[in-house]
């Protein structure tokens, strides 16, 4: 079996002090770095995604613009390509990342499966190319992009595992609901300590 680690949207705008910062975001960044140092060799592929929105339009209605954001479908401006907010959090060591995925380039996008690599290759095609059958999912935010990415992984036939020690969500209630939903859909819900390579 070929295993991949999916690092979802560990970006400045999604961590404390950012445009859509979540509590615990910086801790997730440093936690993933420690995890990679200890367990990076357990993975055949390490992939990191980033929101990478256009700065000159509303990205298909994703940015609220003059209206108040509803924080469901419309959001304040965030993760605009080329800005500091769109960059990885500095506590995330990206030296172990094999593939960088950008998503939301002009359109709303929550799941890593909606993104492409630097050459424009769709993410699902990359997984197929590398023969990936199992993914572990970490990152931000539990109740939005981690949720969407995990559910899409299941839809694409992956065995998906969410490492709950390495995620952070917008709100406790919606994060708990997202974890329950992912588990009900078939994802394995595991703590960080359960993330060592499994042969089964």
Protein backbone atom coordinates (compact mmCIF):
# COMPACT_ATOMS: atom_id res chain seq x y z
CA UNK A 1 0.00 0.00 0.00
CA UNK A 2 1.16 3.49 -0.82
CA UNK A 3 0.52 6.10 1.87
CA UNK A 4 0.37 9.87 1.63
CA UNK A 5 0.21 12.59 4.25
CA UNK A 6 -2.08 15.46 3.29
CA UNK A 7 -1.27 18.74 5.05
CA UNK A 8 -4.25 21.02 4.58
CA UNK A 9 -3.94 24.81 4.46
CA UNK A 10 -1.45 25.52 7.26
CA UNK A 11 -1.21 29.15 6.17
CA UNK A 12 -0.68 32.47 7.91
CA UNK A 13 -4.24 33.66 7.24
CA UNK A 14 -5.66 30.56 8.94
CA UNK A 15 -3.50 30.81 12.06
CA UNK A 16 -3.59 33.25 14.94
CA UNK A 17 -3.47 36.85 13.75
CA UNK A 18 -4.49 35.98 10.20
CA UNK A 19 -7.57 37.09 8.29
CA UNK A 20 -9.39 33.87 9.29
CA UNK A 21 -7.14 32.72 12.09
CA UNK A 22 -8.19 29.77 14.24
CA UNK A 23 -7.07 29.08 17.79
CA UNK A 24 -4.43 26.39 17.83
CA UNK A 25 -3.33 26.99 14.26
CA UNK A 26 0.28 27.78 15.13
CA UNK A 27 0.41 24.75 17.40
CA UNK A 28 -0.77 22.59 14.50
CA UNK A 29 2.03 24.01 12.32
CA UNK A 30 4.74 23.17 14.85
CA UNK A 31 3.08 19.84 15.67
CA UNK A 32 3.14 18.77 12.03
CA UNK A 33 6.81 19.73 11.84
CA UNK A 34 7.61 17.50 14.83
CA UNK A 35 5.46 14.75 13.37
CA UNK A 36 7.31 14.89 10.04
CA UNK A 37 10.66 14.70 11.83
CA UNK A 38 9.53 11.53 13.61
CA UNK A 39 7.26 9.90 11.03
CA UNK A 40 7.99 11.48 7.65
CA UNK A 41 9.66 8.32 6.40
CA UNK A 42 6.42 6.40 7.01
CA UNK A 43 4.92 8.13 3.98
CA UNK A 44 5.59 7.55 0.31
CA UNK A 45 4.29 11.04 -0.52
CA UNK A 46 3.83 14.22 1.50
CA UNK A 47 1.46 16.79 -0.02
CA UNK A 48 0.60 20.26 1.27
CA UNK A 49 -2.27 22.41 0.04
CA UNK A 50 -2.85 26.13 0.17
CA UNK A 51 -5.76 28.38 -0.59
CA UNK A 52 -4.45 30.56 -3.41
CA UNK A 53 -7.13 33.07 -4.27
CA UNK A 54 -7.12 35.80 -6.90
CA UNK A 55 -6.73 39.31 -5.57
CA UNK A 56 -8.61 41.13 -8.32
CA UNK A 57 -12.04 39.43 -8.14
CA UNK A 58 -14.40 37.78 -5.66
CA UNK A 59 -13.26 34.27 -6.59
CA UNK A 60 -16.65 33.11 -7.75
CA UNK A 61 -18.47 34.70 -4.83
CA UNK A 62 -16.10 33.22 -2.23
CA UNK A 63 -15.07 36.69 -1.03
CA UNK A 64 -17.93 38.67 0.48
CA UNK A 65 -16.83 41.97 -1.05
CA UNK A 66 -18.94 44.90 0.15
CA UNK A 67 -21.47 42.64 1.88
CA UNK A 68 -21.00 41.12 5.31
CA UNK A 69 -19.56 37.60 5.07
CA UNK A 70 -21.83 34.79 6.26
CA UNK A 71 -18.83 32.57 7.17
CA UNK A 72 -20.52 29.67 5.41
CA UNK A 73 -20.30 30.47 1.71
CA UNK A 74 -18.81 33.98 1.79
CA UNK A 75 -15.67 35.06 3.61
CA UNK A 76 -13.43 38.04 4.24
CA UNK A 77 -10.53 38.40 1.83
CA UNK A 78 -7.90 35.77 2.68
CA UNK A 79 -5.01 33.80 1.20
CA UNK A 80 -4.56 36.03 -1.84
CA UNK A 81 -1.84 34.66 -4.11
CA UNK A 82 1.53 36.26 -3.53
CA UNK A 83 0.66 37.72 -0.12
CA UNK A 84 2.11 36.85 3.26
CA UNK A 85 -1.28 35.55 4.35
CA UNK A 86 -1.19 32.88 1.66
CA UNK A 87 2.23 31.58 2.68
CA UNK A 88 2.75 28.56 4.88
CA UNK A 89 2.99 29.31 8.58
CA UNK A 90 6.68 29.75 9.45
CA UNK A 91 6.55 26.94 12.04
CA UNK A 92 5.65 24.42 9.32
CA UNK A 93 8.78 22.79 7.93
CA UNK A 94 8.01 22.33 4.24
CA UNK A 95 11.34 20.67 3.41
CA UNK A 96 9.66 17.27 3.62
CA UNK A 97 6.80 18.25 1.31
CA UNK A 98 6.99 16.47 -2.05
CA UNK A 99 4.07 18.19 -3.80
CA UNK A 100 2.52 21.62 -3.29
CA UNK A 101 -1.14 22.03 -4.25
CA UNK A 102 -2.91 25.35 -4.88
CA UNK A 103 -6.70 25.56 -4.78
CA UNK A 104 -9.34 28.25 -5.14
CA UNK A 105 -7.71 30.12 -7.99
CA UNK A 106 -10.69 32.21 -8.98
CA UNK A 107 -13.32 29.83 -7.62
CA UNK A 108 -14.49 28.62 -4.20
CA UNK A 109 -12.53 25.54 -3.16
CA UNK A 110 -12.33 23.77 0.16
CA UNK A 111 -10.95 20.33 -0.69
CA UNK A 112 -7.40 19.54 -1.75
CA UNK A 113 -9.02 17.40 -4.44
CA UNK A 114 -10.09 20.64 -6.18
CA UNK A 115 -6.50 21.84 -6.50
CA UNK A 116 -3.59 21.42 -8.86
CA UNK A 117 0.18 21.23 -8.54
CA UNK A 118 2.59 23.82 -9.93
CA UNK A 119 2.34 22.22 -13.38
CA UNK A 120 -1.45 22.28 -13.35
CA UNK A 121 -1.91 18.56 -12.73
CA UNK A 122 -5.18 17.87 -10.85
CA UNK A 123 -4.63 16.42 -7.40
CA UNK A 124 -6.65 13.21 -7.97
CA UNK A 125 -4.46 12.48 -11.00
CA UNK A 126 -1.36 12.86 -8.84
CA UNK A 127 -2.66 10.32 -6.35
CA UNK A 128 -3.35 7.87 -9.17
CA UNK A 129 0.07 8.49 -10.69
CA UNK A 130 1.77 7.69 -7.37
CA UNK A 131 -0.47 4.70 -6.65
CA UNK A 132 -1.68 6.16 -3.36
CA UNK A 133 -4.32 4.06 -1.58
CA UNK A 134 -4.16 5.47 1.97
CA UNK A 135 -4.09 9.07 3.17
CA UNK A 136 -3.61 10.64 6.57
CA UNK A 137 -5.12 14.11 6.85
CA UNK A 138 -3.88 16.95 9.09
CA UNK A 139 -4.16 20.73 9.06
CA UNK A 140 -6.71 23.54 9.13
CA UNK A 141 -9.61 23.86 9.53
CA UNK A 142 -11.20 20.71 10.91
CA UNK A 143 -14.72 21.88 10.15
CA UNK A 144 -14.05 23.18 6.62
CA UNK A 145 -11.10 22.20 4.45
CA UNK A 146 -9.97 19.18 6.48
CA UNK A 147 -13.55 17.91 6.44
CA UNK A 148 -13.98 18.52 2.70
CA UNK A 149 -10.64 16.93 1.83
CA UNK A 150 -11.30 13.84 3.93
CA UNK A 151 -14.78 13.30 2.52
CA UNK A 152 -13.41 13.68 -1.02
CA UNK A 153 -10.64 11.20 -0.24
CA UNK A 154 -13.27 8.65 0.72
CA UNK A 155 -15.25 9.42 -2.43
CA UNK A 156 -12.08 8.74 -4.44
CA UNK A 157 -11.67 5.33 -2.84
CA UNK A 158 -8.89 6.18 -0.42
CA UNK A 159 -8.58 4.76 3.05
CA UNK A 160 -8.59 8.03 4.97
CA UNK A 161 -7.44 8.68 8.50
CA UNK A 162 -7.75 11.99 10.35
CA UNK A 163 -5.05 12.66 12.95
CA UNK A 164 -7.02 14.66 15.50
CA UNK A 165 -3.92 15.76 17.38
CA UNK A 166 -2.79 17.68 14.31
CA UNK A 167 -5.91 19.59 13.29
CA UNK A 168 -7.52 22.83 14.45
CA UNK A 169 -11.04 24.04 13.78
CA UNK A 170 -12.99 27.26 13.66
CA UNK A 171 -15.35 26.28 16.48
CA UNK A 172 -15.54 23.36 18.89
CA UNK A 173 -19.13 22.42 18.08
CA UNK A 174 -18.72 22.40 14.30
CA UNK A 175 -15.35 20.65 14.58
CA UNK A 176 -16.86 17.87 16.69
CA UNK A 177 -19.69 17.55 14.18
CA UNK A 178 -17.20 17.37 11.31
CA UNK A 179 -15.18 14.66 13.02
CA UNK A 180 -18.35 12.68 13.62
CA UNK A 181 -19.40 13.14 10.00
CA UNK A 182 -16.02 12.03 8.68
CA UNK A 183 -16.06 8.98 10.92
CA UNK A 184 -19.61 8.09 9.87
CA UNK A 185 -18.56 8.38 6.22
CA UNK A 186 -15.82 5.82 6.79
CA UNK A 187 -12.74 7.73 7.84
CA UNK A 188 -10.61 6.42 10.66
CA UNK A 189 -10.40 8.96 13.47
CA UNK A 190 -7.07 8.66 15.25
CA UNK A 191 -4.96 10.65 17.63
CA UNK A 192 -1.47 11.71 16.66
CA UNK A 193 -0.07 8.79 18.62
CA UNK A 194 -1.92 6.39 16.31
CA UNK A 195 -0.21 7.70 13.22
CA UNK A 196 2.71 5.32 12.96
CA UNK A 197 2.85 3.27 9.80
CA UNK A 198 0.46 0.38 9.70
CA UNK A 199 0.86 -2.73 7.61
CA UNK A 200 -2.79 -3.64 8.01
